[in-house]
Amino acid sequence: MPTTKSKKTSGTKSSAGTSSRKAKNAETSSQNENSQLEKFFVDALKDIYWAEKHLTKALPKMQKAATSEELQQAIEDHLNQTKEHINRLEQVFDQLGEKAQAKKCEAMEGLTKEGDTVVEETEDGTSTRDVGIIVSAQKVEHYEISAYGSLITIAKTMGQDEIADILSQTLEEEKETDQLLSQIAEGSINWQAQEEGEEGEESNEEEEE
């Protein structure tokens, strides 16, 4: 009888030990997943950090090429916002205990190069060029809106609610800039560009007569 009890006790201990190991393995696996997610998050921060810093060089070029004073002012205002976005990202890096580093963002480089091409292929001093600048700028805004939206979601998943709040401020400003650009385009610039086309057609018709 004592032997039987001993066997039962041993079996119970073995079962408990197995459960404990499984729990520890699950916890370790979860920690590894979190660390991988955090690594991805930091990498994505480096990407958008580069993008924002790159914009501080690209936006002045757009502003100089623009004809509309309203558009020029909108670009200047967003340039100032962009500098604040950089400061916020540096604050996020600091909260994570990471050094603020930039990783080249191929997407942003491509978008700004496309913007340069638009300026080169449109006539100086025309509303048509302004239309092209707005389109290029909104492509940049849409990329940033997508990037920041994703970062906020990941930050919340990681339990980094304060970081999510910081990034949310930038996201709202990106959305506001996008809406402002649409208002400028729809309010006057698109129509002025359309008239430039009609004037060109009338001029060609007169020459043919």
N, C-alpha and C. Protein backbone atom coordinates (compact mmCIF):
# COMPACT_ATOMS: atom_id res chain seq x y z
N MET A 1 0.82 -1.21 0.00
CA MET A 1 0.00 0.00 0.00
C MET A 1 0.85 1.27 0.00
N PRO A 2 1.84 1.38 0.88
CA PRO A 2 2.68 2.58 0.88
C PRO A 2 3.34 2.81 -0.46
N THR A 3 3.71 1.68 -1.12
CA THR A 3 4.36 1.80 -2.43
C THR A 3 3.43 2.45 -3.44
N THR A 4 2.18 2.06 -3.41
CA THR A 4 1.19 2.60 -4.34
C THR A 4 1.03 4.09 -4.14
N LYS A 5 0.95 4.53 -2.85
CA LYS A 5 0.81 5.96 -2.56
C LYS A 5 2.00 6.73 -3.11
N SER A 6 3.14 6.16 -2.95
CA SER A 6 4.36 6.82 -3.42
C SER A 6 4.31 7.03 -4.92
N LYS A 7 3.81 6.05 -5.63
CA LYS A 7 3.71 6.16 -7.08
C LYS A 7 2.73 7.25 -7.49
N LYS A 8 1.61 7.30 -6.77
CA LYS A 8 0.60 8.32 -7.10
C LYS A 8 1.16 9.72 -6.87
N THR A 9 1.85 9.91 -5.77
CA THR A 9 2.43 11.21 -5.44
C THR A 9 3.46 11.62 -6.48
N SER A 10 4.27 10.66 -6.89
CA SER A 10 5.29 10.91 -7.90
C SER A 10 4.66 11.33 -9.21
N GLY A 11 3.57 10.65 -9.55
CA GLY A 11 2.89 10.97 -10.81
C GLY A 11 2.30 12.37 -10.78
N THR A 12 1.75 12.75 -9.62
CA THR A 12 1.16 14.09 -9.48
C THR A 12 2.23 15.17 -9.60
N LYS A 13 3.38 14.91 -8.95
CA LYS A 13 4.48 15.87 -9.03
C LYS A 13 4.98 16.02 -10.46
N SER A 14 5.07 14.91 -11.17
CA SER A 14 5.54 14.93 -12.56
C SER A 14 4.60 15.74 -13.43
N SER A 15 3.30 15.56 -13.21
CA SER A 15 2.29 16.29 -13.98
C SER A 15 2.38 17.78 -13.70
N ALA A 16 2.55 18.12 -12.42
CA ALA A 16 2.65 19.53 -12.04
C ALA A 16 3.90 20.16 -12.65
N GLY A 17 4.99 19.38 -12.65
CA GLY A 17 6.23 19.89 -13.23
C GLY A 17 6.10 20.16 -14.71
N THR A 18 5.39 19.28 -15.41
CA THR A 18 5.17 19.46 -16.85
C THR A 18 4.35 20.71 -17.13
N SER A 19 3.30 20.91 -16.33
CA SER A 19 2.45 22.09 -16.50
C SER A 19 3.23 23.37 -16.25
N SER A 20 4.09 23.32 -15.24
CA SER A 20 4.90 24.49 -14.91
C SER A 20 5.85 24.84 -16.04
N ARG A 21 6.47 23.80 -16.62
CA ARG A 21 7.39 24.03 -17.74
C ARG A 21 6.66 24.60 -18.95
N LYS A 22 5.46 24.08 -19.20
CA LYS A 22 4.67 24.58 -20.33
C LYS A 22 4.32 26.06 -20.15
N ALA A 23 3.96 26.40 -18.90
CA ALA A 23 3.60 27.79 -18.60
C ALA A 23 4.80 28.71 -18.81
N LYS A 24 5.98 28.24 -18.34
CA LYS A 24 7.20 29.04 -18.50
C LYS A 24 7.57 29.19 -19.97
N ASN A 25 7.42 28.10 -20.72
CA ASN A 25 7.73 28.15 -22.16
C ASN A 25 6.80 29.11 -22.88
N ALA A 26 5.51 29.09 -22.48
CA ALA A 26 4.53 29.98 -23.11
C ALA A 26 4.87 31.43 -22.80
N GLU A 27 5.29 31.67 -21.54
CA GLU A 27 5.66 33.03 -21.14
C GLU A 27 6.89 33.51 -21.89
N THR A 28 7.88 32.62 -22.01
CA THR A 28 9.11 32.97 -22.74
C THR A 28 8.80 33.26 -24.20
N SER A 29 7.93 32.44 -24.79
CA SER A 29 7.54 32.63 -26.19
C SER A 29 6.86 33.97 -26.37
N SER A 30 5.98 34.32 -25.41
CA SER A 30 5.28 35.60 -25.48
C SER A 30 6.25 36.77 -25.39
N GLN A 31 7.25 36.65 -24.51
CA GLN A 31 8.25 37.70 -24.36
C GLN A 31 9.07 37.86 -25.62
N ASN A 32 9.41 36.73 -26.25
CA ASN A 32 10.18 36.78 -27.50
C ASN A 32 9.38 37.46 -28.60
N GLU A 33 8.08 37.15 -28.65
CA GLU A 33 7.21 37.77 -29.66
C GLU A 33 7.14 39.28 -29.43
N ASN A 34 7.01 39.69 -28.16
CA ASN A 34 6.94 41.10 -27.85
C ASN A 34 8.24 41.80 -28.23
N SER A 35 9.36 41.16 -27.96
CA SER A 35 10.64 41.78 -28.28
C SER A 35 10.80 41.90 -29.80
N GLN A 36 10.30 40.92 -30.53
CA GLN A 36 10.35 40.99 -32.00
C GLN A 36 9.46 42.10 -32.51
N LEU A 37 8.30 42.27 -31.90
CA LEU A 37 7.37 43.33 -32.30
C LEU A 37 7.97 44.69 -31.98
N GLU A 38 8.61 44.78 -30.82
CA GLU A 38 9.23 46.05 -30.44
C GLU A 38 10.38 46.38 -31.40
N LYS A 39 11.13 45.38 -31.79
CA LYS A 39 12.22 45.59 -32.75
C LYS A 39 11.68 46.10 -34.07
N PHE A 40 10.57 45.50 -34.53
CA PHE A 40 9.93 45.95 -35.76
C PHE A 40 9.44 47.39 -35.61
N PHE A 41 8.86 47.69 -34.45
CA PHE A 41 8.33 49.02 -34.17
C PHE A 41 9.44 50.07 -34.23
N VAL A 42 10.55 49.78 -33.59
CA VAL A 42 11.68 50.71 -33.58
C VAL A 42 12.22 50.91 -35.00
N ASP A 43 12.26 49.83 -35.76
CA ASP A 43 12.72 49.91 -37.15
C ASP A 43 11.80 50.80 -37.97
N ALA A 44 10.50 50.68 -37.74
CA ALA A 44 9.53 51.51 -38.45
C ALA A 44 9.65 52.98 -38.03
N LEU A 45 9.97 53.20 -36.77
CA LEU A 45 10.19 54.57 -36.30
C LEU A 45 11.39 55.20 -37.00
N LYS A 46 12.45 54.42 -37.18
CA LYS A 46 13.64 54.92 -37.87
C LYS A 46 13.30 55.31 -39.30
N ASP A 47 12.40 54.54 -39.91
CA ASP A 47 11.99 54.78 -41.29
C ASP A 47 11.25 56.12 -41.41
N ILE A 48 10.25 56.33 -40.55
CA ILE A 48 9.47 57.57 -40.63
C ILE A 48 10.29 58.76 -40.13
N TYR A 49 11.25 58.49 -39.26
CA TYR A 49 12.16 59.55 -38.78
C TYR A 49 12.99 60.09 -39.94
N TRP A 50 13.49 59.17 -40.76
CA TRP A 50 14.24 59.58 -41.95
C TRP A 50 13.33 60.36 -42.89
N ALA A 51 12.12 59.86 -43.07
CA ALA A 51 11.16 60.49 -43.98
C ALA A 51 10.87 61.94 -43.56
N GLU A 52 10.64 62.15 -42.27
CA GLU A 52 10.34 63.49 -41.78
C GLU A 52 11.53 64.43 -41.97
N LYS A 53 12.72 63.93 -41.68
CA LYS A 53 13.92 64.75 -41.83
C LYS A 53 14.16 65.09 -43.31
N HIS A 54 13.88 64.12 -44.16
CA HIS A 54 14.02 64.34 -45.61
C HIS A 54 13.05 65.42 -46.09
N LEU A 55 11.86 65.44 -45.50
CA LEU A 55 10.85 66.43 -45.90
C LEU A 55 11.27 67.85 -45.56
N THR A 56 12.08 68.02 -44.53
CA THR A 56 12.53 69.38 -44.19
C THR A 56 13.40 69.97 -45.30
N LYS A 57 13.91 69.10 -46.17
CA LYS A 57 14.70 69.56 -47.32
C LYS A 57 13.82 69.66 -48.58
N ALA A 58 12.84 68.76 -48.69
CA ALA A 58 11.99 68.72 -49.88
C ALA A 58 10.91 69.81 -49.89
N LEU A 59 10.33 70.09 -48.73
CA LEU A 59 9.22 71.05 -48.67
C LEU A 59 9.62 72.47 -49.10
N PRO A 60 10.80 72.98 -48.71
CA PRO A 60 11.19 74.31 -49.18
C PRO A 60 11.27 74.39 -50.71
N LYS A 61 11.67 73.30 -51.35
CA LYS A 61 11.73 73.27 -52.82
C LYS A 61 10.33 73.38 -53.40
N MET A 62 9.37 72.66 -52.79
CA MET A 62 7.98 72.73 -53.24
C MET A 62 7.44 74.15 -53.06
N GLN A 63 7.75 74.73 -51.92
CA GLN A 63 7.27 76.08 -51.63
C GLN A 63 7.81 77.09 -52.65
N LYS A 64 9.07 76.98 -52.97
CA LYS A 64 9.70 77.89 -53.92
C LYS A 64 9.10 77.72 -55.32
N ALA A 65 8.73 76.50 -55.68
CA ALA A 65 8.19 76.24 -57.02
C ALA A 65 6.73 76.63 -57.15
N ALA A 66 6.03 76.75 -56.03
CA ALA A 66 4.60 77.07 -56.05
C ALA A 66 4.36 78.53 -56.43
N THR A 67 3.20 78.77 -57.05
CA THR A 67 2.83 80.13 -57.47
C THR A 67 1.81 80.75 -56.51
N SER A 68 0.83 79.98 -56.11
CA SER A 68 -0.22 80.45 -55.21
C SER A 68 0.35 80.79 -53.83
N GLU A 69 0.02 81.99 -53.36
CA GLU A 69 0.48 82.40 -52.03
C GLU A 69 -0.14 81.52 -50.94
N GLU A 70 -1.39 81.13 -51.16
CA GLU A 70 -2.08 80.27 -50.20
C GLU A 70 -1.38 78.91 -50.10
N LEU A 71 -0.97 78.38 -51.23
CA LEU A 71 -0.26 77.10 -51.25
C LEU A 71 1.11 77.24 -50.63
N GLN A 72 1.80 78.33 -50.93
CA GLN A 72 3.12 78.58 -50.34
C GLN A 72 3.04 78.62 -48.82
N GLN A 73 2.00 79.29 -48.31
CA GLN A 73 1.82 79.42 -46.87
C GLN A 73 1.52 78.06 -46.23
N ALA A 74 0.68 77.28 -46.91
CA ALA A 74 0.33 75.95 -46.40
C ALA A 74 1.56 75.06 -46.29
N ILE A 75 2.44 75.15 -47.29
CA ILE A 75 3.67 74.35 -47.28
C ILE A 75 4.60 74.81 -46.17
N GLU A 76 4.70 76.13 -45.99
CA GLU A 76 5.55 76.67 -44.93
C GLU A 76 5.04 76.23 -43.54
N ASP A 77 3.73 76.28 -43.38
CA ASP A 77 3.14 75.86 -42.10
C ASP A 77 3.43 74.38 -41.83
N HIS A 78 3.34 73.59 -42.88
CA HIS A 78 3.57 72.16 -42.68
C HIS A 78 5.05 71.87 -42.45
N LEU A 79 5.91 72.69 -43.00
CA LEU A 79 7.34 72.54 -42.74
C LEU A 79 7.62 72.73 -41.25
N ASN A 80 6.98 73.73 -40.66
CA ASN A 80 7.14 73.96 -39.21
C ASN A 80 6.58 72.79 -38.41
N GLN A 81 5.45 72.24 -38.87
CA GLN A 81 4.87 71.07 -38.22
C GLN A 81 5.81 69.87 -38.31
N THR A 82 6.42 69.72 -39.46
CA THR A 82 7.32 68.59 -39.69
C THR A 82 8.49 68.61 -38.71
N LYS A 83 8.99 69.79 -38.43
CA LYS A 83 10.08 69.92 -37.46
C LYS A 83 9.60 69.47 -36.08
N GLU A 84 8.35 69.76 -35.75
CA GLU A 84 7.78 69.33 -34.48
C GLU A 84 7.56 67.81 -34.48
N HIS A 85 7.22 67.26 -35.65
CA HIS A 85 7.04 65.81 -35.77
C HIS A 85 8.36 65.09 -35.47
N ILE A 86 9.44 65.68 -35.92
CA ILE A 86 10.77 65.12 -35.66
C ILE A 86 11.05 65.12 -34.16
N ASN A 87 10.71 66.23 -33.51
CA ASN A 87 10.91 66.32 -32.05
C ASN A 87 10.11 65.26 -31.32
N ARG A 88 8.89 65.03 -31.77
CA ARG A 88 8.05 64.01 -31.13
C ARG A 88 8.63 62.61 -31.30
N LEU A 89 9.12 62.34 -32.49
CA LEU A 89 9.73 61.03 -32.74
C LEU A 89 10.95 60.82 -31.84
N GLU A 90 11.72 61.87 -31.66
CA GLU A 90 12.89 61.78 -30.78
C GLU A 90 12.44 61.52 -29.34
N GLN A 91 11.31 62.09 -28.98
CA GLN A 91 10.75 61.85 -27.65
C GLN A 91 10.33 60.38 -27.50
N VAL A 92 9.77 59.82 -28.56
CA VAL A 92 9.36 58.42 -28.55
C VAL A 92 10.57 57.50 -28.43
N PHE A 93 11.61 57.79 -29.20
CA PHE A 93 12.85 57.01 -29.10
C PHE A 93 13.37 57.03 -27.66
N ASP A 94 13.35 58.21 -27.07
CA ASP A 94 13.85 58.37 -25.70
C ASP A 94 13.04 57.53 -24.71
N GLN A 95 11.73 57.52 -24.88
CA GLN A 95 10.87 56.75 -23.97
C GLN A 95 11.12 55.25 -24.10
N LEU A 96 11.53 54.83 -25.29
CA LEU A 96 11.82 53.42 -25.51
C LEU A 96 13.25 53.05 -25.11
N GLY A 97 14.03 54.08 -24.73
CA GLY A 97 15.42 53.83 -24.36
C GLY A 97 16.29 53.57 -25.57
N GLU A 98 15.85 54.09 -26.72
CA GLU A 98 16.58 53.89 -27.97
C GLU A 98 17.19 55.20 -28.46
N LYS A 99 18.30 55.10 -29.16
CA LYS A 99 18.92 56.27 -29.78
C LYS A 99 18.14 56.64 -31.03
N ALA A 100 17.89 57.92 -31.21
CA ALA A 100 17.15 58.38 -32.39
C ALA A 100 18.03 58.23 -33.63
N GLN A 101 17.69 57.26 -34.46
CA GLN A 101 18.46 57.01 -35.68
C GLN A 101 17.52 56.96 -36.87
N ALA A 102 18.02 57.40 -38.00
CA ALA A 102 17.22 57.40 -39.22
C ALA A 102 17.63 56.25 -40.14
N LYS A 103 16.63 55.60 -40.68
CA LYS A 103 16.87 54.54 -41.67
C LYS A 103 16.23 54.99 -42.98
N LYS A 104 17.00 54.97 -44.05
CA LYS A 104 16.51 55.50 -45.31
C LYS A 104 15.15 54.92 -45.69
N CYS A 105 14.21 55.83 -45.96
CA CYS A 105 12.86 55.44 -46.35
C CYS A 105 12.76 55.51 -47.88
N GLU A 106 12.79 54.37 -48.51
CA GLU A 106 12.76 54.31 -49.98
C GLU A 106 11.46 54.90 -50.53
N ALA A 107 10.37 54.68 -49.81
CA ALA A 107 9.06 55.18 -50.27
C ALA A 107 9.05 56.71 -50.32
N MET A 108 9.53 57.34 -49.24
CA MET A 108 9.53 58.80 -49.20
C MET A 108 10.49 59.39 -50.22
N GLU A 109 11.61 58.75 -50.40
CA GLU A 109 12.56 59.23 -51.40
C GLU A 109 11.92 59.19 -52.79
N GLY A 110 11.21 58.11 -53.06
CA GLY A 110 10.53 57.98 -54.35
C GLY A 110 9.46 59.03 -54.55
N LEU A 111 8.69 59.30 -53.50
CA LEU A 111 7.61 60.29 -53.59
C LEU A 111 8.15 61.70 -53.83
N THR A 112 9.23 62.05 -53.15
CA THR A 112 9.79 63.39 -53.34
C THR A 112 10.47 63.53 -54.70
N LYS A 113 11.06 62.46 -55.19
CA LYS A 113 11.65 62.50 -56.53
C LYS A 113 10.56 62.69 -57.58
N GLU A 114 9.44 62.02 -57.36
CA GLU A 114 8.31 62.19 -58.27
C GLU A 114 7.82 63.63 -58.25
N GLY A 115 7.83 64.25 -57.06
CA GLY A 115 7.46 65.65 -56.95
C GLY A 115 8.40 66.56 -57.72
N ASP A 116 9.69 66.25 -57.67
CA ASP A 116 10.68 67.03 -58.43
C ASP A 116 10.41 66.93 -59.93
N THR A 117 10.05 65.74 -60.37
CA THR A 117 9.76 65.52 -61.79
C THR A 117 8.54 66.33 -62.24
N VAL A 118 7.53 66.38 -61.38
CA VAL A 118 6.32 67.16 -61.69
C VAL A 118 6.67 68.63 -61.90
N VAL A 119 7.51 69.16 -61.04
CA VAL A 119 7.92 70.56 -61.16
C VAL A 119 8.69 70.78 -62.46
N GLU A 120 9.57 69.84 -62.79
CA GLU A 120 10.37 69.97 -64.01
C GLU A 120 9.52 69.91 -65.27
N GLU A 121 8.42 69.16 -65.22
CA GLU A 121 7.61 68.94 -66.41
C GLU A 121 6.44 69.90 -66.55
N THR A 122 6.30 70.85 -65.62
CA THR A 122 5.23 71.84 -65.71
C THR A 122 5.83 73.24 -65.83
N GLU A 123 5.05 74.13 -66.38
CA GLU A 123 5.55 75.48 -66.67
C GLU A 123 5.58 76.34 -65.42
N ASP A 124 6.66 77.08 -65.26
CA ASP A 124 6.83 77.95 -64.10
C ASP A 124 5.75 79.03 -64.08
N GLY A 125 5.23 79.32 -62.88
CA GLY A 125 4.25 80.39 -62.74
C GLY A 125 2.83 80.01 -63.11
N THR A 126 2.58 78.73 -63.34
CA THR A 126 1.23 78.30 -63.74
C THR A 126 0.51 77.60 -62.58
N SER A 127 -0.83 77.65 -62.69
CA SER A 127 -1.64 76.93 -61.71
C SER A 127 -1.54 75.42 -61.93
N THR A 128 -1.22 75.05 -63.17
CA THR A 128 -1.05 73.63 -63.47
C THR A 128 0.10 73.05 -62.65
N ARG A 129 1.17 73.81 -62.51
CA ARG A 129 2.29 73.36 -61.67
C ARG A 129 1.82 73.25 -60.23
N ASP A 130 1.02 74.21 -59.77
CA ASP A 130 0.51 74.16 -58.40
C ASP A 130 -0.34 72.92 -58.18
N VAL A 131 -1.14 72.56 -59.18
CA VAL A 131 -1.94 71.33 -59.08
C VAL A 131 -1.02 70.13 -58.89
N GLY A 132 0.04 70.09 -59.68
CA GLY A 132 1.00 68.99 -59.59
C GLY A 132 1.68 68.94 -58.23
N ILE A 133 2.00 70.11 -57.67
CA ILE A 133 2.63 70.17 -56.36
C ILE A 133 1.68 69.67 -55.29
N ILE A 134 0.40 70.04 -55.39
CA ILE A 134 -0.59 69.58 -54.42
C ILE A 134 -0.76 68.06 -54.49
N VAL A 135 -0.83 67.54 -55.70
CA VAL A 135 -0.97 66.08 -55.87
C VAL A 135 0.23 65.37 -55.23
N SER A 136 1.42 65.88 -55.50
CA SER A 136 2.64 65.28 -54.94
C SER A 136 2.65 65.37 -53.42
N ALA A 137 2.25 66.53 -52.91
CA ALA A 137 2.24 66.73 -51.46
C ALA A 137 1.22 65.82 -50.78
N GLN A 138 0.08 65.62 -51.45
CA GLN A 138 -0.94 64.76 -50.84
C GLN A 138 -0.53 63.29 -50.87
N LYS A 139 0.24 62.90 -51.85
CA LYS A 139 0.77 61.53 -51.86
C LYS A 139 1.68 61.32 -50.66
N VAL A 140 2.46 62.34 -50.34
CA VAL A 140 3.34 62.29 -49.17
C VAL A 140 2.50 62.19 -47.90
N GLU A 141 1.45 63.03 -47.82
CA GLU A 141 0.58 63.03 -46.65
C GLU A 141 -0.09 61.67 -46.45
N HIS A 142 -0.55 61.08 -47.54
CA HIS A 142 -1.24 59.79 -47.44
C HIS A 142 -0.29 58.69 -46.96
N TYR A 143 0.96 58.78 -47.39
CA TYR A 143 1.95 57.81 -46.91
C TYR A 143 2.17 57.98 -45.41
N GLU A 144 2.30 59.23 -44.99
CA GLU A 144 2.54 59.50 -43.57
C GLU A 144 1.34 59.11 -42.71
N ILE A 145 0.15 59.39 -43.20
CA ILE A 145 -1.06 59.02 -42.47
C ILE A 145 -1.10 57.51 -42.26
N SER A 146 -0.79 56.77 -43.30
CA SER A 146 -0.76 55.31 -43.20
C SER A 146 0.31 54.84 -42.22
N ALA A 147 1.50 55.44 -42.31
CA ALA A 147 2.62 55.04 -41.45
C ALA A 147 2.31 55.31 -39.98
N TYR A 148 1.84 56.51 -39.69
CA TYR A 148 1.56 56.86 -38.30
C TYR A 148 0.38 56.07 -37.74
N GLY A 149 -0.61 55.82 -38.58
CA GLY A 149 -1.75 55.01 -38.13
C GLY A 149 -1.32 53.62 -37.72
N SER A 150 -0.43 53.02 -38.49
CA SER A 150 0.08 51.69 -38.18
C SER A 150 0.93 51.70 -36.90
N LEU A 151 1.76 52.72 -36.76
CA LEU A 151 2.61 52.83 -35.58
C LEU A 151 1.78 52.97 -34.30
N ILE A 152 0.72 53.73 -34.39
CA ILE A 152 -0.17 53.93 -33.23
C ILE A 152 -0.80 52.61 -32.82
N THR A 153 -1.26 51.84 -33.81
CA THR A 153 -1.88 50.54 -33.52
C THR A 153 -0.88 49.60 -32.84
N ILE A 154 0.35 49.57 -33.34
CA ILE A 154 1.37 48.70 -32.74
C ILE A 154 1.71 49.16 -31.33
N ALA A 155 1.83 50.47 -31.14
CA ALA A 155 2.16 51.01 -29.82
C ALA A 155 1.10 50.60 -28.79
N LYS A 156 -0.15 50.65 -29.18
CA LYS A 156 -1.23 50.25 -28.28
C LYS A 156 -1.16 48.76 -27.97
N THR A 157 -0.83 47.96 -28.98
CA THR A 157 -0.68 46.52 -28.79
C THR A 157 0.42 46.22 -27.78
N MET A 158 1.48 47.02 -27.81
CA MET A 158 2.61 46.83 -26.91
C MET A 158 2.34 47.41 -25.52
N GLY A 159 1.20 48.06 -25.35
CA GLY A 159 0.88 48.67 -24.07
C GLY A 159 1.54 50.03 -23.89
N GLN A 160 2.03 50.61 -24.99
CA GLN A 160 2.70 51.91 -24.95
C GLN A 160 1.68 53.01 -25.29
N ASP A 161 0.73 53.21 -24.37
CA ASP A 161 -0.36 54.16 -24.64
C ASP A 161 0.14 55.61 -24.72
N GLU A 162 1.13 55.96 -23.93
CA GLU A 162 1.66 57.32 -23.96
C GLU A 162 2.32 57.61 -25.29
N ILE A 163 3.05 56.64 -25.82
CA ILE A 163 3.67 56.79 -27.13
C ILE A 163 2.60 56.90 -28.21
N ALA A 164 1.55 56.10 -28.08
CA ALA A 164 0.44 56.15 -29.03
C ALA A 164 -0.19 57.54 -29.04
N ASP A 165 -0.31 58.16 -27.88
CA ASP A 165 -0.89 59.50 -27.78
C ASP A 165 0.00 60.54 -28.46
N ILE A 166 1.31 60.39 -28.28
CA ILE A 166 2.26 61.32 -28.92
C ILE A 166 2.15 61.23 -30.44
N LEU A 167 2.13 60.01 -30.94
CA LEU A 167 2.05 59.81 -32.39
C LEU A 167 0.70 60.23 -32.95
N SER A 168 -0.34 60.13 -32.12
CA SER A 168 -1.69 60.52 -32.56
C SER A 168 -1.77 62.02 -32.85
N GLN A 169 -1.01 62.81 -32.11
CA GLN A 169 -0.98 64.26 -32.36
C GLN A 169 -0.47 64.53 -33.78
N THR A 170 0.59 63.82 -34.15
CA THR A 170 1.17 63.98 -35.48
C THR A 170 0.20 63.49 -36.55
N LEU A 171 -0.46 62.36 -36.29
CA LEU A 171 -1.41 61.82 -37.26
C LEU A 171 -2.52 62.82 -37.56
N GLU A 172 -3.05 63.46 -36.54
CA GLU A 172 -4.13 64.44 -36.73
C GLU A 172 -3.64 65.62 -37.56
N GLU A 173 -2.42 66.06 -37.34
CA GLU A 173 -1.87 67.18 -38.11
C GLU A 173 -1.66 66.80 -39.57
N GLU A 174 -1.26 65.55 -39.82
CA GLU A 174 -1.10 65.08 -41.20
C GLU A 174 -2.46 65.08 -41.91
N LYS A 175 -3.49 64.63 -41.21
CA LYS A 175 -4.84 64.60 -41.80
C LYS A 175 -5.33 66.01 -42.08
N GLU A 176 -5.07 66.93 -41.18
CA GLU A 176 -5.49 68.33 -41.36
C GLU A 176 -4.80 68.95 -42.56
N THR A 177 -3.51 68.65 -42.72
CA THR A 177 -2.77 69.19 -43.87
C THR A 177 -3.33 68.64 -45.18
N ASP A 178 -3.64 67.36 -45.19
CA ASP A 178 -4.22 66.74 -46.38
C ASP A 178 -5.55 67.41 -46.75
N GLN A 179 -6.39 67.66 -45.76
CA GLN A 179 -7.69 68.31 -45.99
C GLN A 179 -7.50 69.74 -46.48
N LEU A 180 -6.52 70.43 -45.91
CA LEU A 180 -6.25 71.81 -46.33
C LEU A 180 -5.81 71.87 -47.78
N LEU A 181 -4.95 70.95 -48.18
CA LEU A 181 -4.49 70.90 -49.57
C LEU A 181 -5.65 70.66 -50.52
N SER A 182 -6.58 69.80 -50.12
CA SER A 182 -7.77 69.54 -50.94
C SER A 182 -8.61 70.81 -51.08
N GLN A 183 -8.77 71.53 -49.99
CA GLN A 183 -9.55 72.77 -50.01
C GLN A 183 -8.92 73.81 -50.93
N ILE A 184 -7.59 73.93 -50.86
CA ILE A 184 -6.88 74.89 -51.72
C ILE A 184 -7.06 74.53 -53.19
N ALA A 185 -6.94 73.24 -53.47
CA ALA A 185 -7.07 72.78 -54.86
C ALA A 185 -8.48 73.01 -55.38
N GLU A 186 -9.46 72.60 -54.61
CA GLU A 186 -10.85 72.70 -55.06
C GLU A 186 -11.37 74.13 -55.03
N GLY A 187 -10.79 74.97 -54.16
CA GLY A 187 -11.26 76.34 -54.04
C GLY A 187 -10.91 77.23 -55.21
N SER A 188 -9.73 77.03 -55.79
CA SER A 188 -9.33 77.93 -56.87
C SER A 188 -8.33 77.33 -57.86
N ILE A 189 -7.33 76.68 -57.36
CA ILE A 189 -6.21 76.28 -58.22
C ILE A 189 -6.61 75.35 -59.35
N ASN A 190 -7.42 74.35 -59.06
CA ASN A 190 -7.84 73.42 -60.12
C ASN A 190 -8.57 74.14 -61.23
N TRP A 191 -9.45 75.09 -60.85
CA TRP A 191 -10.22 75.83 -61.85
C TRP A 191 -9.32 76.75 -62.66
N GLN A 192 -8.37 77.37 -62.01
CA GLN A 192 -7.42 78.24 -62.72
C GLN A 192 -6.58 77.44 -63.71
N ALA A 193 -6.20 76.25 -63.31
CA ALA A 193 -5.43 75.38 -64.20
C ALA A 193 -6.26 74.98 -65.41
N GLN A 194 -7.55 74.72 -65.18
CA GLN A 194 -8.44 74.37 -66.28
C GLN A 194 -8.54 75.52 -67.28
N GLU A 195 -8.61 76.74 -66.79
CA GLU A 195 -8.68 77.92 -67.65
C GLU A 195 -7.40 78.09 -68.46
N GLU A 196 -6.28 77.73 -67.87
CA GLU A 196 -5.00 77.81 -68.61
C GLU A 196 -5.06 76.90 -69.83
N GLY A 197 -5.65 75.76 -69.69
CA GLY A 197 -5.78 74.83 -70.80
C GLY A 197 -6.69 75.37 -71.88
N GLU A 198 -7.80 75.98 -71.45
CA GLU A 198 -8.74 76.54 -72.42
C GLU A 198 -8.13 77.72 -73.16
N GLU A 199 -7.36 78.54 -72.46
CA GLU A 199 -6.70 79.68 -73.09
C GLU A 199 -5.71 79.20 -74.15
N GLY A 200 -5.03 78.10 -73.86
CA GLY A 200 -4.09 77.55 -74.81
C GLY A 200 -4.78 77.05 -76.06
N GLU A 201 -5.95 76.43 -75.89
CA GLU A 201 -6.71 75.92 -77.03
C GLU A 201 -7.21 77.06 -77.89
N GLU A 202 -7.70 78.15 -77.25
CA GLU A 202 -8.19 79.31 -77.98
C GLU A 202 -7.08 79.95 -78.78
N SER A 203 -5.89 80.01 -78.17
CA SER A 203 -4.74 80.62 -78.84
C SER A 203 -4.35 79.80 -80.08
N ASN A 204 -4.41 78.49 -79.99
CA ASN A 204 -4.07 77.63 -81.12
C ASN A 204 -5.09 77.79 -82.25
N GLU A 205 -6.36 77.93 -81.88
CA GLU A 205 -7.40 78.10 -82.87
C GLU A 205 -7.23 79.40 -83.63
N GLU A 206 -6.86 80.47 -82.91
CA GLU A 206 -6.66 81.78 -83.54
C GLU A 206 -5.48 81.71 -84.52
N GLU A 207 -4.43 81.01 -84.16
CA GLU A 207 -3.27 80.89 -85.03
C GLU A 207 -3.61 80.13 -86.31
N GLU A 208 -4.47 79.11 -86.18
CA GLU A 208 -4.86 78.32 -87.35
C GLU A 208 -5.71 79.15 -88.31
N GLU A 209 -6.55 80.07 -87.77
CA GLU A 209 -7.38 80.93 -88.63
C GLU A 209 -6.50 81.93 -89.36
